[in-house]
N, C-alpha and C. Protein backbone atom coordinates (compact mmCIF):
# COMPACT_ATOMS: atom_id res chain seq x y z
N MET A 1 97.38 -52.23 213.31
CA MET A 1 97.08 -52.17 212.52
C MET A 1 98.28 -53.41 211.96
N LEU A 2 97.72 -54.20 210.92
CA LEU A 2 98.96 -55.13 210.59
C LEU A 2 99.82 -55.19 209.37
N MET A 3 101.02 -55.59 209.92
CA MET A 3 101.84 -55.28 208.70
C MET A 3 102.53 -56.22 208.61
N LYS A 4 102.72 -56.91 207.44
CA LYS A 4 103.69 -58.25 207.40
C LYS A 4 105.39 -57.61 205.85
N SER A 5 106.81 -58.07 206.71
CA SER A 5 107.80 -58.33 206.14
C SER A 5 107.35 -55.93 205.34
N PRO A 6 107.99 -55.54 206.53
CA PRO A 6 108.47 -54.36 205.89
C PRO A 6 109.37 -53.51 205.10
N THR A 7 109.23 -53.34 204.26
CA THR A 7 110.07 -53.09 203.22
C THR A 7 110.81 -51.83 203.05
N LEU A 8 111.73 -50.96 203.41
CA LEU A 8 112.24 -49.70 202.84
C LEU A 8 112.59 -49.36 201.24
N MET A 9 112.44 -48.95 200.60
CA MET A 9 112.30 -48.20 199.55
C MET A 9 113.19 -47.68 199.60
N SER A 10 114.56 -47.12 198.76
CA SER A 10 115.88 -45.93 199.00
C SER A 10 116.23 -45.93 197.91
N GLY A 11 115.82 -45.04 196.93
CA GLY A 11 116.32 -45.52 195.03
C GLY A 11 115.91 -46.29 195.29
N LYS A 12 117.32 -47.18 194.57
CA LYS A 12 117.00 -48.63 193.18
C LYS A 12 116.97 -49.35 194.35
N GLN A 13 117.67 -49.33 195.62
CA GLN A 13 117.54 -50.85 196.33
C GLN A 13 116.28 -51.04 197.31
N THR A 14 116.66 -52.04 197.21
CA THR A 14 115.00 -52.68 198.73
C THR A 14 115.75 -53.48 199.33
N ASN A 15 115.45 -52.70 200.87
CA ASN A 15 116.30 -53.81 202.04
C ASN A 15 114.96 -53.48 203.08
N THR A 16 114.92 -54.94 204.19
CA THR A 16 113.91 -54.74 204.89
C THR A 16 114.29 -54.31 206.51
N TYR A 17 114.13 -53.12 207.05
CA TYR A 17 114.35 -52.31 208.23
C TYR A 17 113.31 -52.29 209.67
N LEU A 18 113.68 -52.29 210.47
CA LEU A 18 113.07 -51.53 211.56
C LEU A 18 112.56 -50.30 211.48
N ILE A 19 110.94 -50.55 210.98
CA ILE A 19 110.03 -49.78 211.06
C ILE A 19 108.52 -49.47 212.27
N ILE A 20 109.13 -48.63 213.36
CA ILE A 20 108.20 -48.18 214.13
C ILE A 20 107.34 -47.23 213.93
N PHE A 21 106.14 -47.14 214.36
CA PHE A 21 104.85 -46.35 213.86
C PHE A 21 104.64 -45.62 215.02
N ASN A 22 104.89 -44.12 214.58
CA ASN A 22 105.03 -43.39 216.19
C ASN A 22 103.78 -42.67 216.33
N SER A 23 102.84 -43.03 215.09
CA SER A 23 101.34 -42.18 215.02
C SER A 23 100.98 -42.45 214.00
N LEU A 24 99.93 -42.71 214.25
CA LEU A 24 98.48 -42.92 213.34
C LEU A 24 97.32 -42.44 213.37
N GLY A 25 97.02 -41.54 212.50
CA GLY A 25 95.55 -40.71 212.86
C GLY A 25 95.11 -40.21 211.92
N PHE A 26 93.36 -40.56 211.93
CA PHE A 26 92.31 -40.97 211.45
C PHE A 26 91.30 -39.37 211.27
N ILE A 27 90.87 -39.45 210.15
CA ILE A 27 90.15 -38.39 210.01
C ILE A 27 88.54 -39.55 209.46
N LYS A 28 87.16 -39.09 210.41
CA LYS A 28 85.93 -39.25 210.00
C LYS A 28 85.10 -38.51 209.46
N SER A 29 85.20 -38.38 208.34
CA SER A 29 83.77 -37.98 207.81
C SER A 29 82.57 -38.88 207.07
N GLY A 30 81.77 -38.18 207.33
CA GLY A 30 80.46 -39.09 207.51
C GLY A 30 80.17 -40.39 207.44
N ARG A 31 80.26 -41.37 206.97
CA ARG A 31 80.20 -42.69 207.16
C ARG A 31 81.36 -43.34 206.52
N TYR A 32 82.22 -42.21 206.09
CA TYR A 32 83.37 -42.76 205.91
C TYR A 32 85.06 -42.52 206.59
N TRP A 33 86.19 -43.67 206.45
CA TRP A 33 87.04 -42.93 207.68
C TRP A 33 88.38 -42.98 206.28
N SER A 34 89.37 -42.12 206.92
CA SER A 34 91.17 -42.55 206.04
C SER A 34 92.00 -42.32 206.68
N VAL A 35 92.62 -42.52 206.58
CA VAL A 35 94.11 -42.40 207.14
C VAL A 35 94.58 -40.64 207.03
N SER A 36 94.86 -39.80 207.91
CA SER A 36 95.19 -38.50 207.69
C SER A 36 96.43 -38.29 208.01
N GLU A 37 96.88 -38.54 209.03
CA GLU A 37 98.36 -38.03 209.65
C GLU A 37 98.75 -39.29 210.08
N SER A 38 100.25 -39.47 210.22
CA SER A 38 100.72 -40.89 210.64
C SER A 38 102.39 -40.33 210.67
N SER A 39 102.84 -40.21 211.17
CA SER A 39 104.59 -40.34 211.54
C SER A 39 104.93 -41.86 211.82
N VAL A 40 106.60 -41.91 211.38
CA VAL A 40 107.14 -43.20 210.95
C VAL A 40 108.86 -42.96 211.77
N SER A 41 109.41 -44.24 212.35
CA SER A 41 110.74 -44.19 212.82
C SER A 41 111.52 -45.05 211.51
N ILE A 42 112.18 -44.98 210.76
CA ILE A 42 113.56 -45.85 210.24
C ILE A 42 114.31 -46.68 211.37
N LYS A 43 114.79 -47.38 211.65
CA LYS A 43 116.42 -47.99 212.32
C LYS A 43 117.18 -48.22 211.13
N CYS A 44 117.82 -48.25 211.11
CA CYS A 44 119.42 -48.85 209.78
C CYS A 44 119.98 -49.77 210.59
N GLN A 45 120.20 -51.05 210.24
CA GLN A 45 121.37 -51.87 210.66
C GLN A 45 122.46 -51.22 210.34
N SER A 46 123.81 -51.41 211.97
CA SER A 46 125.07 -51.15 211.68
C SER A 46 124.98 -51.81 210.05
N GLY A 47 126.33 -50.34 209.26
CA GLY A 47 127.07 -50.60 208.50
C GLY A 47 126.10 -50.90 206.92
N SER A 48 125.27 -50.18 206.71
CA SER A 48 124.14 -50.81 205.52
C SER A 48 123.96 -49.39 204.99
N LYS A 49 124.44 -49.97 203.70
CA LYS A 49 125.07 -48.42 202.36
C LYS A 49 123.69 -47.79 202.22
N SER A 50 122.97 -48.30 201.99
CA SER A 50 121.89 -47.78 201.98
C SER A 50 120.23 -47.57 202.43
N CYS A 51 120.93 -47.09 203.44
CA CYS A 51 119.62 -46.90 205.00
C CYS A 51 119.74 -45.28 205.27
N VAL A 52 118.32 -45.09 205.02
CA VAL A 52 118.66 -43.41 205.92
C VAL A 52 117.67 -43.45 206.88
N ASN A 53 118.23 -43.22 207.66
CA ASN A 53 117.42 -43.06 209.26
C ASN A 53 117.02 -41.81 209.15
N VAL A 54 115.36 -42.18 209.47
CA VAL A 54 114.03 -41.75 209.55
C VAL A 54 113.87 -41.51 211.57
N ALA A 55 113.40 -40.55 211.70
CA ALA A 55 112.78 -40.29 213.10
C ALA A 55 111.85 -39.33 213.28
N GLY A 56 110.55 -40.25 213.28
CA GLY A 56 109.39 -39.37 213.61
C GLY A 56 108.72 -38.22 212.17
N ASN A 57 110.17 -38.48 211.36
CA ASN A 57 108.78 -37.52 209.33
C ASN A 57 107.51 -38.58 209.49
N PRO A 58 106.32 -37.44 208.71
CA PRO A 58 105.35 -37.76 208.48
C PRO A 58 106.08 -38.71 207.07
N LEU A 59 104.36 -40.06 207.04
CA LEU A 59 104.31 -40.50 205.99
C LEU A 59 102.80 -40.55 205.64
N VAL A 60 102.76 -40.25 204.52
CA VAL A 60 101.92 -40.63 203.36
C VAL A 60 100.86 -41.80 203.01
N MET A 61 99.70 -41.77 203.84
CA MET A 61 99.38 -43.24 203.38
C MET A 61 97.78 -42.85 202.93
N LYS A 62 97.65 -41.35 201.99
CA LYS A 62 95.68 -41.26 201.91
C LYS A 62 95.03 -41.83 201.57
N TRP A 63 95.97 -43.29 200.39
CA TRP A 63 95.41 -44.54 200.06
C TRP A 63 94.28 -45.44 200.79
N ALA A 64 94.31 -45.35 202.45
CA ALA A 64 93.70 -45.96 203.44
C ALA A 64 93.11 -45.39 203.83
N GLY A 65 92.15 -45.88 203.21
CA GLY A 65 90.92 -45.55 203.94
C GLY A 65 89.00 -46.77 203.81
N ALA A 66 88.15 -46.78 204.18
CA ALA A 66 87.00 -47.44 204.49
C ALA A 66 86.00 -47.17 205.01
N PRO A 67 84.58 -47.53 204.81
CA PRO A 67 83.35 -47.28 205.40
C PRO A 67 83.37 -47.29 207.00
N ILE A 68 82.88 -46.88 207.71
CA ILE A 68 83.09 -46.50 209.24
C ILE A 68 82.50 -47.59 210.24
N ASN A 69 82.06 -48.87 209.83
CA ASN A 69 81.86 -49.77 209.88
C ASN A 69 83.15 -51.19 209.75
N LEU A 70 83.36 -51.03 208.59
CA LEU A 70 84.39 -52.21 208.22
C LEU A 70 86.22 -51.58 207.57
N GLY A 71 87.24 -52.40 207.79
CA GLY A 71 88.39 -52.09 208.14
C GLY A 71 88.58 -51.95 206.05
N TYR A 72 90.30 -51.27 206.73
CA TYR A 72 91.28 -51.45 204.62
C TYR A 72 91.67 -52.58 205.43
N LYS A 73 91.54 -53.53 204.33
CA LYS A 73 93.60 -54.53 203.89
C LYS A 73 93.36 -54.56 202.38
N CYS A 74 94.56 -54.28 202.09
CA CYS A 74 95.32 -54.64 200.93
C CYS A 74 96.47 -55.25 200.88
N THR A 75 97.18 -56.58 200.06
CA THR A 75 97.43 -57.65 199.67
C THR A 75 99.03 -56.55 199.29
N LYS A 76 98.71 -55.90 198.02
CA LYS A 76 99.57 -55.13 197.43
C LYS A 76 99.28 -53.25 196.80
N PRO A 77 99.67 -52.57 198.44
CA PRO A 77 99.02 -51.46 198.52
C PRO A 77 100.28 -50.68 197.87
N SER A 78 99.97 -49.82 197.70
CA SER A 78 100.81 -48.64 196.21
C SER A 78 101.90 -47.91 198.22
N ALA A 79 102.98 -47.40 197.28
CA ALA A 79 104.07 -47.04 198.23
C ALA A 79 103.50 -46.08 199.15
N ALA A 80 104.10 -46.02 199.69
CA ALA A 80 103.92 -44.82 200.77
C ALA A 80 105.30 -43.19 201.29
N PRO A 81 105.17 -42.96 200.44
CA PRO A 81 106.28 -41.61 200.47
C PRO A 81 106.65 -41.27 202.70
N VAL A 82 107.61 -41.17 202.38
CA VAL A 82 108.02 -40.37 204.07
C VAL A 82 108.84 -39.41 203.57
N ILE A 83 108.44 -37.64 203.82
CA ILE A 83 108.80 -36.84 203.79
C ILE A 83 109.39 -35.78 204.59
N LEU A 84 110.49 -35.73 203.84
CA LEU A 84 111.79 -35.90 204.49
C LEU A 84 112.50 -34.04 204.17
N PRO A 85 113.33 -33.72 205.19
CA PRO A 85 113.53 -32.49 205.40
C PRO A 85 114.44 -32.05 203.33
N SER A 86 113.84 -31.39 203.04
CA SER A 86 114.40 -30.87 201.98
C SER A 86 115.78 -30.87 201.43
N ASP A 87 116.66 -30.59 202.65
CA ASP A 87 118.14 -30.44 202.60
C ASP A 87 118.71 -32.05 202.50
N SER A 88 118.49 -33.03 202.72
CA SER A 88 118.54 -34.89 203.16
C SER A 88 118.65 -34.76 202.14
N GLY A 89 118.39 -34.78 200.78
CA GLY A 89 118.39 -34.73 199.38
C GLY A 89 118.90 -36.27 199.11
N ASN A 90 117.33 -37.28 199.98
CA ASN A 90 117.10 -38.64 199.65
C ASN A 90 115.61 -38.36 199.89
N SER A 91 115.01 -39.66 199.15
CA SER A 91 113.67 -40.02 199.18
C SER A 91 113.22 -41.07 199.59
N VAL A 92 112.04 -41.21 200.20
CA VAL A 92 112.69 -42.73 201.08
C VAL A 92 110.64 -42.90 201.02
N SER A 93 110.00 -44.15 200.69
CA SER A 93 109.15 -44.85 200.41
C SER A 93 108.91 -46.16 201.67
N LEU A 94 107.77 -46.50 201.89
CA LEU A 94 107.14 -47.50 202.57
C LEU A 94 106.70 -48.51 201.68
N GLN A 95 107.26 -49.90 201.37
CA GLN A 95 106.33 -50.54 200.20
C GLN A 95 105.97 -51.50 201.39
N PHE A 96 104.68 -51.58 201.63
CA PHE A 96 103.85 -53.19 202.57
C PHE A 96 103.73 -54.27 201.86
N ALA A 97 103.74 -55.09 201.69
CA ALA A 97 103.73 -56.58 201.61
C ALA A 97 101.89 -56.55 201.95
N SER A 98 101.99 -56.28 203.26
CA SER A 98 100.28 -56.51 203.36
C SER A 98 100.21 -55.90 204.15
N ILE A 99 98.99 -55.23 204.13
CA ILE A 99 98.46 -53.15 205.55
C ILE A 99 96.89 -54.64 205.81
N GLN A 100 96.16 -54.10 206.91
CA GLN A 100 95.18 -53.95 207.01
C GLN A 100 94.89 -53.06 208.43
N VAL A 101 93.72 -52.23 208.19
CA VAL A 101 93.86 -51.34 209.32
C VAL A 101 92.04 -50.91 209.90
N GLN A 102 92.15 -50.98 210.95
CA GLN A 102 90.39 -50.46 211.21
C GLN A 102 90.56 -50.08 212.53
N PRO A 103 90.26 -48.80 212.75
CA PRO A 103 90.43 -47.91 213.53
C PRO A 103 88.86 -47.90 214.43
N PHE A 104 87.94 -48.60 213.93
CA PHE A 104 86.61 -48.49 214.33
C PHE A 104 86.08 -49.94 214.44
N GLY A 105 84.92 -50.06 215.61
CA GLY A 105 84.65 -50.91 215.98
C GLY A 105 85.56 -52.57 216.12
N VAL A 106 86.54 -52.87 216.64
CA VAL A 106 87.52 -53.93 216.37
C VAL A 106 86.45 -54.38 218.32
N LYS A 107 86.58 -55.44 218.32
CA LYS A 107 86.05 -56.65 219.21
C LYS A 107 86.72 -57.45 219.81
N ASP A 108 87.31 -57.52 220.64
CA ASP A 108 88.01 -58.33 221.38
C ASP A 108 89.07 -58.16 220.58
N GLY A 109 89.85 -57.16 220.41
CA GLY A 109 91.28 -57.68 219.74
C GLY A 109 91.05 -58.23 218.14
N VAL A 110 90.05 -58.41 217.68
CA VAL A 110 89.92 -59.29 216.23
C VAL A 110 89.42 -58.12 215.11
N PHE A 111 90.22 -58.58 214.17
CA PHE A 111 89.24 -57.48 212.90
C PHE A 111 88.03 -57.30 212.68
N GLY A 112 87.59 -56.83 212.11
CA GLY A 112 85.64 -57.69 211.34
C GLY A 112 86.25 -57.80 210.04
N ASP A 113 84.96 -56.87 209.42
CA ASP A 113 85.02 -57.56 207.78
C ASP A 113 85.61 -56.29 207.55
N VAL A 114 86.03 -56.27 205.99
CA VAL A 114 87.18 -55.32 205.91
C VAL A 114 86.42 -55.29 204.27
N THR A 115 87.18 -53.95 204.02
CA THR A 115 86.67 -53.51 202.23
C THR A 115 88.63 -53.63 201.93
N ASP A 116 88.03 -54.27 200.84
CA ASP A 116 90.02 -54.79 200.09
C ASP A 116 89.95 -54.09 198.90
N CYS A 117 91.28 -53.46 198.71
CA CYS A 117 91.78 -52.44 197.76
C CYS A 117 91.80 -53.00 195.92
N VAL A 118 91.53 -54.34 195.96
CA VAL A 118 91.34 -54.51 194.75
C VAL A 118 90.55 -53.29 193.57
N GLY A 119 90.65 -52.76 192.77
CA GLY A 119 90.08 -52.10 192.32
C GLY A 119 89.14 -52.82 191.36
N TYR A 120 87.37 -52.22 191.67
CA TYR A 120 85.81 -52.90 190.84
C TYR A 120 86.52 -54.26 189.56
N PHE A 121 87.47 -53.44 188.65
CA PHE A 121 86.70 -53.92 187.55
C PHE A 121 88.47 -54.88 187.69
N SER A 122 88.87 -55.86 187.81
CA SER A 122 90.22 -56.83 188.05
C SER A 122 89.91 -57.14 186.51
N ILE A 123 90.86 -57.90 186.55
CA ILE A 123 91.40 -58.82 185.71
C ILE A 123 89.86 -60.18 185.06
N GLY A 124 89.62 -60.86 185.99
CA GLY A 124 88.67 -61.84 185.61
C GLY A 124 86.95 -60.55 184.95
N VAL A 125 86.98 -59.99 186.07
CA VAL A 125 85.58 -59.28 186.24
C VAL A 125 86.21 -58.55 184.23
N TRP A 126 87.28 -58.72 183.87
CA TRP A 126 87.10 -57.43 182.77
C TRP A 126 86.85 -58.30 181.22
N SER A 127 87.54 -59.64 181.52
CA SER A 127 87.94 -61.03 180.83
C SER A 127 85.88 -61.22 180.68
N SER A 128 85.54 -61.45 181.67
CA SER A 128 84.37 -62.32 181.92
C SER A 128 83.37 -60.77 180.25
N LEU A 129 83.36 -59.57 180.92
CA LEU A 129 82.46 -58.71 180.54
C LEU A 129 83.19 -59.03 178.44
N ILE A 130 84.59 -58.91 178.25
CA ILE A 130 84.72 -58.90 176.92
C ILE A 130 84.13 -60.74 176.90
N VAL A 131 84.18 -61.41 177.42
CA VAL A 131 83.77 -63.13 176.35
C VAL A 131 81.87 -62.73 176.57
N SER A 132 81.21 -61.70 177.37
CA SER A 132 79.55 -62.02 177.17
C SER A 132 79.51 -61.03 176.48
N ILE A 133 80.61 -59.68 175.74
CA ILE A 133 80.22 -59.20 174.77
C ILE A 133 80.10 -59.63 173.23
N LEU A 134 80.94 -60.29 173.75
CA LEU A 134 81.69 -60.59 172.04
C LEU A 134 80.03 -61.81 172.12
N LEU A 135 80.09 -62.68 173.38
CA LEU A 135 78.86 -63.76 172.71
C LEU A 135 77.62 -63.26 172.01
N VAL A 136 77.67 -61.85 172.41
CA VAL A 136 75.98 -61.52 172.70
C VAL A 136 76.04 -60.68 171.25
N SER A 137 77.18 -60.16 170.77
CA SER A 137 77.10 -59.82 169.67
C SER A 137 77.39 -60.72 168.63
N ILE A 138 77.59 -62.00 168.86
CA ILE A 138 77.39 -62.88 167.85
C ILE A 138 76.12 -63.35 167.50
N LEU A 139 75.61 -64.04 168.90
CA LEU A 139 74.10 -63.74 168.45
C LEU A 139 73.41 -62.87 168.25
N THR A 140 73.07 -61.83 168.75
CA THR A 140 72.20 -60.91 167.94
C THR A 140 73.26 -60.45 166.56
N TYR A 141 74.01 -60.66 165.30
CA TYR A 141 74.14 -60.69 164.57
C TYR A 141 73.15 -61.87 164.01
N GLY A 142 73.41 -63.43 164.75
CA GLY A 142 72.90 -64.10 164.00
C GLY A 142 70.96 -64.39 163.36
N LEU A 143 70.44 -63.33 165.21
CA LEU A 143 69.42 -62.97 165.26
C LEU A 143 68.85 -61.79 163.44
N VAL A 144 69.68 -61.01 163.75
CA VAL A 144 69.39 -60.18 162.72
C VAL A 144 69.30 -60.70 160.81
N MET A 145 70.47 -61.75 160.88
CA MET A 145 70.71 -62.51 159.77
C MET A 145 69.19 -63.44 159.80
N LEU A 146 69.25 -64.11 160.65
CA LEU A 146 68.00 -65.24 160.79
C LEU A 146 66.70 -63.78 160.34
N ALA A 147 66.35 -62.86 160.45
CA ALA A 147 65.20 -62.07 160.69
C ALA A 147 65.56 -61.90 159.05
N SER A 148 66.14 -61.87 158.83
CA SER A 148 66.37 -60.96 157.10
C SER A 148 65.80 -62.33 156.14
N VAL A 149 66.41 -63.41 156.01
CA VAL A 149 65.73 -64.16 155.09
C VAL A 149 64.54 -63.86 154.54
N GLN A 150 64.52 -64.57 153.32
CA GLN A 150 63.29 -63.51 152.58
C GLN A 150 62.74 -65.18 151.95
N PRO A 151 61.75 -65.35 152.09
CA PRO A 151 61.36 -66.75 151.58
C PRO A 151 61.62 -66.38 149.59
N SER A 152 61.49 -67.73 148.74
CA SER A 152 61.40 -67.88 147.57
C SER A 152 59.53 -67.20 147.11
N GLU A 153 59.88 -66.51 146.25
CA GLU A 153 58.56 -66.14 145.38
C GLU A 153 57.94 -67.53 144.54
N ILE A 154 58.97 -67.60 145.13
CA ILE A 154 58.10 -69.12 143.87
C ILE A 154 56.42 -69.78 144.72
N TYR A 155 57.17 -69.82 145.56
CA TYR A 155 56.01 -69.75 146.29
C TYR A 155 54.19 -69.10 146.88
N GLU A 156 54.81 -68.30 146.48
CA GLU A 156 53.19 -66.97 146.56
C GLU A 156 52.76 -66.66 144.82
N ASP A 157 52.57 -67.74 144.12
CA ASP A 157 52.46 -67.24 143.42
C ASP A 157 50.71 -68.14 143.07
N PRO A 158 50.11 -67.68 143.17
CA PRO A 158 48.17 -68.76 143.31
C PRO A 158 48.33 -68.98 141.72
N LYS A 159 49.31 -68.61 140.39
CA LYS A 159 48.83 -68.55 139.72
C LYS A 159 49.55 -70.13 139.12
N LYS A 160 50.96 -70.34 139.03
CA LYS A 160 51.16 -71.72 139.31
C LYS A 160 50.66 -73.12 139.57
N LYS A 161 51.62 -74.08 139.15
CA LYS A 161 51.03 -75.07 139.50
C LYS A 161 52.54 -75.13 140.70
N MET A 162 51.50 -75.70 141.78
CA MET A 162 51.75 -76.04 143.44
C MET A 162 53.28 -77.23 143.44
N ILE A 163 54.49 -76.78 143.72
CA ILE A 163 55.31 -78.12 143.98
C ILE A 163 55.04 -78.14 145.31
N GLN A 164 55.61 -79.80 144.77
CA GLN A 164 54.98 -80.84 145.97
C GLN A 164 56.68 -81.12 146.08
N LEU A 165 56.58 -81.16 147.22
CA LEU A 165 58.18 -82.52 147.65
C LEU A 165 57.78 -83.09 148.32
N GLY A 166 58.52 -85.01 148.41
CA GLY A 166 58.72 -86.20 148.84
C GLY A 166 57.08 -86.66 148.23
N ALA A 167 56.61 -85.82 147.46
CA ALA A 167 54.97 -87.28 147.08
C ALA A 167 55.13 -87.18 145.78
N ASP A 168 54.32 -88.71 144.80
CA ASP A 168 54.29 -88.92 143.79
C ASP A 168 53.13 -88.86 143.55
N ASN A 169 52.90 -88.01 142.38
CA ASN A 169 51.23 -88.16 141.69
C ASN A 169 51.04 -88.23 140.50
């Protein structure tokens, strides 16, 4: 797993500490894999007021998963809560700056293709869809208005004298 600047969030304060992954387990289900079990240890710096020492506690990372032949990459993943004993009175979450995991198909220590955690409908996709729908609506309205134009009846009466435009008779 690739991890940049791990950050420990304890309460409202955010600090950087030494984080050690004791284990990281994966479930292979059909054509997909996901993180099943993981445990983490967090070592506080001496004199730190907002740090909580954690030794081998479970880490919840169920959001990480991908098809078997791909890895998982995320630049801003959601926080992963660390499960602490109920009598500790603390709540701790890990917030990764970026993470990349590929449990299967790693060759020569190099990550392969990945699936990104960005949702299918990003801001760019939504903007493009809205603009496209707006333009198609305007075009449709214009075509409907053009189709509803009725010719003047003066040109269709065979008993009246024909109107000639631009000719001197």
